[in-house]
Amino acid sequence: ILVELRRAHEQGNAYAGVDVFSGKVVDMRERGVLEPLRVKTQAIESATEAAVMLLRIDDVIAAKELSKEKGKEGTEESEEFE
């Protein structure tokens, strides 16, 4: 399928795409499937923001666990007040 899709693009059909239901290369404009660049850009930006947020949360959790471990190295009495 990818070979057919590349061939269609090389022949100048910039709107060629794969119909997932039939498994054939078709003109996506005729099927009414258009994905503007803005939609794709927004999806990538949203995914990136979500990944960054998860990494920050992971860093906060790791830092909290590290500070707990350092606190345990002190006196045993400190656990009474937590």
Foldseek 3Di string as FASTA:
>chain_A
DVVVQVVCVVVPLPQWDADPVVRDIDRVVVVVDDDDPVNVVVVVVVVVVVVVVVVVVVVVVVVVVVVVVVVVVDDPCVVVVD
